[in-house]
Structures are given as structure tokens and as C-alpha cells.
Amino acid sequence: MKKNWVVSILLLVVVGAVSFHFYRIQRVEKDIRDIRKIPMEIGEWTANDIAVSDHDYEILETKNLALRHYRNKKGESVDLFVIYSETNRRVCHPPVVCLIGSGLSVTRTTQETLSFPGRTFTANRLLAGEGTHQYVVLFWYMLDKEFTHDYLTQQLRWVIKQATGKGIGGAMVRIITPISKEETEEAALARAKRFIEELIPLLTQNV
């Protein structure tokens, strides 16, 4: 396993060096797709935008993102974060560091197979907490229409496509939902899955 990681990292370095010229040229171009076009209403869910400061935009290196709080008529809530770029692979960094930086502690990391009509993929699943509050977190990466839980897989494919001059967009998608005192972690996970099932067709249209 360790050997595979070393090989993957070396491939990133080598292919990344080859693609650096293309990367510098592409950085000046604007994204064709605007991720903020993901609807504010998704099925039973209606959203409010979560404010992002200029400082945070600088850290994230793009404004092509959607950070929203979705709620349904039952009072259930899901937070969605999608960040996207067609030229800058760094925007799709793993979100764990950001979660910890926001005050959450990650107590468990696993993977979850998500299966919906026409789409089955694996996402990263976290159990995160802050004080007495706990949250289910699901996140994955996209490259064009491909879904993967693995950051290195996405980055390697992206680098190769950049090196061959093929323009392609990548994204990181993160879902957070709270675990209320009256429910189990699995019930919160089921809520997140209901939201994701409504979200998937919109992601494939907009990413």
C-alpha cells in the first residue's frame, strides 16, 4: 500500500512537471461552466447562500463555488459545498483540513458506497463533531463526469489531460448534515443520501 502511494506521488511530480507549461497558459482563462448555476431549489430542499469572505476566496483561489444551506419543510438541513475549476487543480484539495480549521474534530473516517439510478460510486464518509454536536460528512471528487473518492486518482487524471492539452473541469463536492439528539447517525446518513440523489443529475449538468 505504501509503495503504491509513493509511485502515485512520483507520477504526480513527473507528469506535473511536463504539464506546467500548459497549466500556466490555462490559468489566465476563465471557466466556461459556472457552478453557482446549481439551483437554489433541489427537490424538497430550498437553499440560502452561506457568505464567503474575500479572504476565504483568496485561500480557495476561485469564486466559482457554491456554499449553501439547504432546508426542507420538515426542518431538516443539509449544507452543500461544491468548488470547481477548469484550470486550477489546487482548488480541489481534500476538505478535512478546512473542517478542522472551522472548529470541527474528525473522529472517524470511512468510505460509503452510494447507489442511485444510473450512478454508483464511492464517497468519503466522516463523523465530525464540535462540542455536543455531531455531523455526517460525505465528500468526493469529480473530473468531467467521473466520480471518485480518491484525491490522487482525480489529480493524476487531471494532470495527464492537461499535459495532452485537453481542457477538462474538476470539482470537489462536500455534504454536511447534523445528527440531531433524536436520531441515529444512520438516519442522518439516509437524509444526506436523499439529498444527493436529487443533486446528482444537477452536478452532471453543471460540472
C-alpha atoms as a PDB file:
ATOM      1  CA  MET A   1       0.000   0.000   0.000  1.00  0.00           C
ATOM      2  CA  LYS A   2       2.812   2.408   0.972  1.00  0.00           C
ATOM      3  CA  LYS A   3       4.653   1.572  -2.248  1.00  0.00           C
ATOM      4  CA  ASN A   4       1.560   2.416  -4.306  1.00  0.00           C
ATOM      5  CA  TRP A   5       1.311   5.820  -2.643  1.00  0.00           C
ATOM      6  CA  VAL A   6       4.975   6.547  -3.362  1.00  0.00           C
ATOM      7  CA  VAL A   7       4.523   5.583  -7.031  1.00  0.00           C
ATOM      8  CA  SER A   8       1.423   7.769  -7.296  1.00  0.00           C
ATOM      9  CA  ILE A   9       3.217  10.763  -5.793  1.00  0.00           C
ATOM     10  CA  LEU A  10       6.202  10.310  -8.137  1.00  0.00           C
ATOM     11  CA  LEU A  11       3.837  10.151 -11.112  1.00  0.00           C
ATOM     12  CA  LEU A  12       2.199  13.383  -9.987  1.00  0.00           C
ATOM     13  CA  VAL A  13       5.594  15.102  -9.791  1.00  0.00           C
ATOM     14  CA  VAL A  14       6.829  13.842 -13.175  1.00  0.00           C
ATOM     15  CA  VAL A  15       3.648  14.419 -15.137  1.00  0.00           C
ATOM     16  CA  GLY A  16       3.050  17.680 -13.302  1.00  0.00           C
ATOM     17  CA  ALA A  17       6.398  18.985 -14.487  1.00  0.00           C
ATOM     18  CA  VAL A  18       5.511  18.107 -18.067  1.00  0.00           C
ATOM     19  CA  SER A  19       2.151  19.866 -17.797  1.00  0.00           C
ATOM     20  CA  PHE A  20       3.433  23.011 -16.061  1.00  0.00           C
ATOM     21  CA  HIS A  21       3.670  24.964 -19.282  1.00  0.00           C
ATOM     22  CA  PHE A  22       0.062  24.144 -20.197  1.00  0.00           C
ATOM     23  CA  TYR A  23      -1.055  24.899 -16.651  1.00  0.00           C
ATOM     24  CA  ARG A  24       0.429  28.425 -16.714  1.00  0.00           C
ATOM     25  CA  ILE A  25      -1.255  29.206 -20.028  1.00  0.00           C
ATOM     26  CA  GLN A  26      -4.631  27.870 -18.902  1.00  0.00           C
ATOM     27  CA  ARG A  27      -4.663  29.738 -15.573  1.00  0.00           C
ATOM     28  CA  VAL A  28      -5.411  33.010 -17.343  1.00  0.00           C
ATOM     29  CA  GLU A  29      -8.554  31.572 -18.922  1.00  0.00           C
ATOM     30  CA  LYS A  30     -11.950  31.758 -17.272  1.00  0.00           C
ATOM     31  CA  ASP A  31     -14.111  28.752 -16.527  1.00  0.00           C
ATOM     32  CA  ILE A  32     -16.825  28.100 -19.073  1.00  0.00           C
ATOM     33  CA  ARG A  33     -19.120  26.486 -16.518  1.00  0.00           C
ATOM     34  CA  ASP A  34     -20.492  28.471 -13.575  1.00  0.00           C
ATOM     35  CA  ILE A  35     -21.064  26.151 -10.619  1.00  0.00           C
ATOM     36  CA  ARG A  36     -23.305  28.760  -8.992  1.00  0.00           C
ATOM     37  CA  LYS A  37     -25.979  27.786 -11.519  1.00  0.00           C
ATOM     38  CA  ILE A  38     -26.779  24.733  -9.404  1.00  0.00           C
ATOM     39  CA  PRO A  39     -30.395  25.515  -8.410  1.00  0.00           C
ATOM     40  CA  MET A  40     -31.336  27.018  -5.073  1.00  0.00           C
ATOM     41  CA  GLU A  41     -34.266  24.595  -5.026  1.00  0.00           C
ATOM     42  CA  ILE A  42     -33.459  20.899  -5.312  1.00  0.00           C
ATOM     43  CA  GLY A  43     -36.431  18.600  -4.876  1.00  0.00           C
ATOM     44  CA  GLU A  44     -37.822  19.173  -1.373  1.00  0.00           C
ATOM     45  CA  TRP A  45     -34.851  21.382  -0.430  1.00  0.00           C
ATOM     46  CA  THR A  46     -34.566  25.190  -0.583  1.00  0.00           C
ATOM     47  CA  ALA A  47     -31.261  26.988  -0.072  1.00  0.00           C
ATOM     48  CA  ASN A  48     -29.716  30.113   1.315  1.00  0.00           C
ATOM     49  CA  ASP A  49     -26.202  31.091   0.273  1.00  0.00           C
ATOM     50  CA  ILE A  50     -23.565  30.997   3.016  1.00  0.00           C
ATOM     51  CA  ALA A  51     -21.375  34.093   2.881  1.00  0.00           C
ATOM     52  CA  VAL A  52     -17.760  33.666   1.790  1.00  0.00           C
ATOM     53  CA  SER A  53     -15.274  36.403   2.712  1.00  0.00           C
ATOM     54  CA  ASP A  54     -12.770  37.915   0.287  1.00  0.00           C
ATOM     55  CA  HIS A  55     -10.005  36.382   2.395  1.00  0.00           C
ATOM     56  CA  ASP A  56     -11.544  32.922   2.016  1.00  0.00           C
ATOM     57  CA  TYR A  57     -11.918  33.420  -1.747  1.00  0.00           C
ATOM     58  CA  GLU A  58      -8.191  34.182  -1.885  1.00  0.00           C
ATOM     59  CA  ILE A  59      -7.385  30.989   0.005  1.00  0.00           C
ATOM     60  CA  LEU A  60      -9.703  28.927  -2.187  1.00  0.00           C
ATOM     61  CA  GLU A  61      -8.213  30.532  -5.349  1.00  0.00           C
ATOM     62  CA  THR A  62     -11.557  30.777  -7.125  1.00  0.00           C
ATOM     63  CA  LYS A  63     -15.018  32.291  -6.808  1.00  0.00           C
ATOM     64  CA  ASN A  64     -16.514  29.512  -8.882  1.00  0.00           C
ATOM     65  CA  LEU A  65     -18.122  27.718  -5.968  1.00  0.00           C
ATOM     66  CA  ALA A  66     -21.452  27.096  -4.295  1.00  0.00           C
ATOM     67  CA  LEU A  67     -21.669  27.138  -0.487  1.00  0.00           C
ATOM     68  CA  ARG A  68     -25.274  26.718   0.604  1.00  0.00           C
ATOM     69  CA  HIS A  69     -27.552  25.726   3.457  1.00  0.00           C
ATOM     70  CA  TYR A  70     -30.490  23.669   2.195  1.00  0.00           C
ATOM     71  CA  ARG A  71     -33.577  23.053   4.342  1.00  0.00           C
ATOM     72  CA  ASN A  72     -36.856  21.224   3.770  1.00  0.00           C
ATOM     73  CA  LYS A  73     -40.324  21.797   5.242  1.00  0.00           C
ATOM     74  CA  LYS A  74     -39.629  19.245   7.990  1.00  0.00           C
ATOM     75  CA  GLY A  75     -36.823  21.455   9.277  1.00  0.00           C
ATOM     76  CA  GLU A  76     -34.121  19.021   8.147  1.00  0.00           C
ATOM     77  CA  SER A  77     -30.954  20.634   6.813  1.00  0.00           C
ATOM     78  CA  VAL A  78     -28.006  19.804   4.585  1.00  0.00           C
ATOM     79  CA  ASP A  79     -25.017  22.013   3.768  1.00  0.00           C
ATOM     80  CA  LEU A  80     -23.588  21.779   0.253  1.00  0.00           C
ATOM     81  CA  PHE A  81     -20.145  22.908  -0.848  1.00  0.00           C
ATOM     82  CA  VAL A  82     -19.050  22.488  -4.483  1.00  0.00           C
ATOM     83  CA  ILE A  83     -15.839  24.069  -5.752  1.00  0.00           C
ATOM     84  CA  TYR A  84     -14.879  23.881  -9.423  1.00  0.00           C
ATOM     85  CA  SER A  85     -12.180  24.875 -11.865  1.00  0.00           C
ATOM     86  CA  GLU A  86     -11.179  24.092 -15.429  1.00  0.00           C
ATOM     87  CA  THR A  87      -7.594  25.277 -14.992  1.00  0.00           C
ATOM     88  CA  ASN A  88      -6.538  25.160 -11.336  1.00  0.00           C
ATOM     89  CA  ARG A  89      -6.223  21.687  -9.812  1.00  0.00           C
ATOM     90  CA  ARG A  90      -5.405  23.121  -6.384  1.00  0.00           C
ATOM     91  CA  VAL A  91      -8.998  24.220  -5.717  1.00  0.00           C
ATOM     92  CA  CYS A  92      -9.974  20.560  -5.224  1.00  0.00           C
ATOM     93  CA  HIS A  93      -7.867  19.922  -2.133  1.00  0.00           C
ATOM     94  CA  PRO A  94      -9.166  17.439   0.497  1.00  0.00           C
ATOM     95  CA  PRO A  95     -11.634  19.220   2.810  1.00  0.00           C
ATOM     96  CA  VAL A  96     -10.552  17.660   6.105  1.00  0.00           C
ATOM     97  CA  VAL A  97      -8.102  20.469   6.873  1.00  0.00           C
ATOM     98  CA  CYS A  98     -10.817  23.078   6.288  1.00  0.00           C
ATOM     99  CA  LEU A  99     -13.213  21.195   8.548  1.00  0.00           C
ATOM    100  CA  ILE A 100     -10.658  21.105  11.345  1.00  0.00           C
ATOM    101  CA  GLY A 101      -9.860  24.769  10.746  1.00  0.00           C
ATOM    102  CA  SER A 102     -13.546  25.625  11.179  1.00  0.00           C
ATOM    103  CA  GLY A 103     -13.566  24.059  14.630  1.00  0.00           C
ATOM    104  CA  LEU A 104     -14.772  20.531  13.872  1.00  0.00           C
ATOM    105  CA  SER A 105     -12.915  17.451  15.033  1.00  0.00           C
ATOM    106  CA  VAL A 106     -12.982  14.395  12.779  1.00  0.00           C
ATOM    107  CA  THR A 107     -13.499  11.277  14.896  1.00  0.00           C
ATOM    108  CA  ARG A 108     -13.970   8.641  12.204  1.00  0.00           C
ATOM    109  CA  THR A 109     -13.085   8.275   8.524  1.00  0.00           C
ATOM    110  CA  THR A 110     -14.555   5.555   6.337  1.00  0.00           C
ATOM    111  CA  GLN A 111     -15.952   5.136   2.826  1.00  0.00           C
ATOM    112  CA  GLU A 112     -19.572   4.844   1.735  1.00  0.00           C
ATOM    113  CA  THR A 113     -20.920   3.311  -1.459  1.00  0.00           C
ATOM    114  CA  LEU A 114     -23.681   5.499  -2.881  1.00  0.00           C
ATOM    115  CA  SER A 115     -26.034   3.846  -5.346  1.00  0.00           C
ATOM    116  CA  PHE A 116     -28.693   5.734  -7.278  1.00  0.00           C
ATOM    117  CA  PRO A 117     -30.451   5.105 -10.597  1.00  0.00           C
ATOM    118  CA  GLY A 118     -27.782   5.355 -13.281  1.00  0.00           C
ATOM    119  CA  ARG A 119     -24.923   6.122 -10.878  1.00  0.00           C
ATOM    120  CA  THR A 120     -22.989   4.130  -8.259  1.00  0.00           C
ATOM    121  CA  PHE A 121     -19.804   5.493  -6.712  1.00  0.00           C
ATOM    122  CA  THR A 122     -17.792   5.589  -3.510  1.00  0.00           C
ATOM    123  CA  ALA A 123     -17.626   8.694  -1.312  1.00  0.00           C
ATOM    124  CA  ASN A 124     -15.551   9.505   1.736  1.00  0.00           C
ATOM    125  CA  ARG A 125     -17.602   9.425   4.935  1.00  0.00           C
ATOM    126  CA  LEU A 126     -16.599  11.287   8.072  1.00  0.00           C
ATOM    127  CA  LEU A 127     -18.063  11.585  11.532  1.00  0.00           C
ATOM    128  CA  ALA A 128     -17.250  15.075  12.771  1.00  0.00           C
ATOM    129  CA  GLY A 129     -18.106  16.914  15.954  1.00  0.00           C
ATOM    130  CA  GLU A 130     -17.980  20.210  17.779  1.00  0.00           C
ATOM    131  CA  GLY A 131     -18.845  20.059  21.464  1.00  0.00           C
ATOM    132  CA  THR A 132     -22.091  18.101  21.832  1.00  0.00           C
ATOM    133  CA  HIS A 133     -22.958  18.479  18.135  1.00  0.00           C
ATOM    134  CA  GLN A 134     -22.142  15.763  15.619  1.00  0.00           C
ATOM    135  CA  TYR A 135     -22.291  15.728  11.824  1.00  0.00           C
ATOM    136  CA  VAL A 136     -22.207  13.246   8.975  1.00  0.00           C
ATOM    137  CA  VAL A 137     -19.871  14.435   6.219  1.00  0.00           C
ATOM    138  CA  LEU A 138     -19.713  12.940   2.720  1.00  0.00           C
ATOM    139  CA  PHE A 139     -17.335  14.159   0.026  1.00  0.00           C
ATOM    140  CA  TRP A 140     -15.943  13.081  -3.310  1.00  0.00           C
ATOM    141  CA  TYR A 141     -14.145  14.423  -6.355  1.00  0.00           C
ATOM    142  CA  MET A 142     -15.272  14.886  -9.941  1.00  0.00           C
ATOM    143  CA  LEU A 143     -13.365  15.098 -13.193  1.00  0.00           C
ATOM    144  CA  ASP A 144     -15.727  15.871 -16.025  1.00  0.00           C
ATOM    145  CA  LYS A 145     -18.494  13.264 -15.433  1.00  0.00           C
ATOM    146  CA  GLU A 146     -16.328  10.846 -13.441  1.00  0.00           C
ATOM    147  CA  PHE A 147     -16.817  10.455  -9.662  1.00  0.00           C
ATOM    148  CA  THR A 148     -14.091   9.190  -7.303  1.00  0.00           C
ATOM    149  CA  HIS A 149     -13.399   9.224  -3.571  1.00  0.00           C
ATOM    150  CA  ASP A 150      -9.661   9.271  -4.218  1.00  0.00           C
ATOM    151  CA  TYR A 151      -7.883  12.624  -4.435  1.00  0.00           C
ATOM    152  CA  LEU A 152      -4.737  11.248  -6.081  1.00  0.00           C
ATOM    153  CA  THR A 153      -6.761   9.455  -8.760  1.00  0.00           C
ATOM    154  CA  GLN A 154      -8.515  12.688  -9.696  1.00  0.00           C
ATOM    155  CA  GLN A 155      -5.297  14.695  -9.687  1.00  0.00           C
ATOM    156  CA  LEU A 156      -3.346  12.182 -11.775  1.00  0.00           C
ATOM    157  CA  ARG A 157      -6.044  12.020 -14.436  1.00  0.00           C
ATOM    158  CA  TRP A 158      -6.327  15.804 -14.450  1.00  0.00           C
ATOM    159  CA  VAL A 159      -2.576  16.288 -14.853  1.00  0.00           C
ATOM    160  CA  ILE A 160      -2.457  13.814 -17.744  1.00  0.00           C
ATOM    161  CA  LYS A 161      -5.315  15.549 -19.536  1.00  0.00           C
ATOM    162  CA  GLN A 162      -3.684  18.964 -19.014  1.00  0.00           C
ATOM    163  CA  ALA A 163      -0.372  17.602 -20.323  1.00  0.00           C
ATOM    164  CA  THR A 164      -2.079  16.444 -23.516  1.00  0.00           C
ATOM    165  CA  GLY A 165      -3.766  19.811 -23.962  1.00  0.00           C
ATOM    166  CA  LYS A 166      -7.281  18.549 -23.201  1.00  0.00           C
ATOM    167  CA  GLY A 167      -9.339  21.100 -21.307  1.00  0.00           C
ATOM    168  CA  ILE A 168     -11.440  19.492 -18.586  1.00  0.00           C
ATOM    169  CA  GLY A 169     -13.135  20.634 -15.396  1.00  0.00           C
ATOM    170  CA  GLY A 170     -12.735  19.198 -11.908  1.00  0.00           C
ATOM    171  CA  ALA A 171     -14.661  19.638  -8.684  1.00  0.00           C
ATOM    172  CA  MET A 172     -14.836  18.658  -5.042  1.00  0.00           C
ATOM    173  CA  VAL A 173     -18.310  18.050  -3.609  1.00  0.00           C
ATOM    174  CA  ARG A 174     -18.967  18.048   0.155  1.00  0.00           C
ATOM    175  CA  ILE A 175     -22.212  17.375   2.018  1.00  0.00           C
ATOM    176  CA  ILE A 176     -22.678  18.009   5.765  1.00  0.00           C
ATOM    177  CA  THR A 177     -25.795  17.205   7.765  1.00  0.00           C
ATOM    178  CA  PRO A 178     -26.249  17.365  11.556  1.00  0.00           C
ATOM    179  CA  ILE A 179     -27.125  14.380  13.724  1.00  0.00           C
ATOM    180  CA  SER A 180     -29.938  15.571  15.962  1.00  0.00           C
ATOM    181  CA  LYS A 181     -30.330  14.297  19.519  1.00  0.00           C
ATOM    182  CA  GLU A 182     -33.470  12.425  18.448  1.00  0.00           C
ATOM    183  CA  GLU A 183     -31.868  10.428  15.614  1.00  0.00           C
ATOM    184  CA  THR A 184     -29.081   7.990  14.859  1.00  0.00           C
ATOM    185  CA  GLU A 185     -26.067   8.543  12.656  1.00  0.00           C
ATOM    186  CA  GLU A 186     -27.601   6.205  10.070  1.00  0.00           C
ATOM    187  CA  ALA A 187     -30.779   8.323   9.952  1.00  0.00           C
ATOM    188  CA  ALA A 188     -28.668  11.423   9.243  1.00  0.00           C
ATOM    189  CA  LEU A 189     -26.783   9.477   6.571  1.00  0.00           C
ATOM    190  CA  ALA A 190     -30.070   8.476   4.946  1.00  0.00           C
ATOM    191  CA  ARG A 191     -31.084  12.164   4.807  1.00  0.00           C
ATOM    192  CA  ALA A 192     -27.797  13.063   3.128  1.00  0.00           C
ATOM    193  CA  LYS A 193     -28.363  10.303   0.580  1.00  0.00           C
ATOM    194  CA  ARG A 194     -31.856  11.598  -0.220  1.00  0.00           C
ATOM    195  CA  PHE A 195     -30.359  14.995  -0.948  1.00  0.00           C
ATOM    196  CA  ILE A 196     -27.504  13.564  -3.010  1.00  0.00           C
ATOM    197  CA  GLU A 197     -29.913  11.559  -5.168  1.00  0.00           C
ATOM    198  CA  GLU A 198     -31.630  14.840  -6.132  1.00  0.00           C
ATOM    199  CA  LEU A 199     -28.268  16.571  -6.577  1.00  0.00           C
ATOM    200  CA  ILE A 200     -26.510  14.070  -8.869  1.00  0.00           C
ATOM    201  CA  PRO A 201     -28.322  14.952 -12.142  1.00  0.00           C
ATOM    202  CA  LEU A 202     -27.671  18.652 -11.487  1.00  0.00           C
ATOM    203  CA  LEU A 203     -23.974  18.028 -10.883  1.00  0.00           C
ATOM    204  CA  THR A 204     -23.579  16.159 -14.158  1.00  0.00           C
ATOM    205  CA  GLN A 205     -25.316  19.042 -15.945  1.00  0.00           C
ATOM    206  CA  ASN A 206     -23.240  21.794 -14.333  1.00  0.00           C
ATOM    207  CA  VAL A 207     -19.790  20.238 -13.835  1.00  0.00           C
END
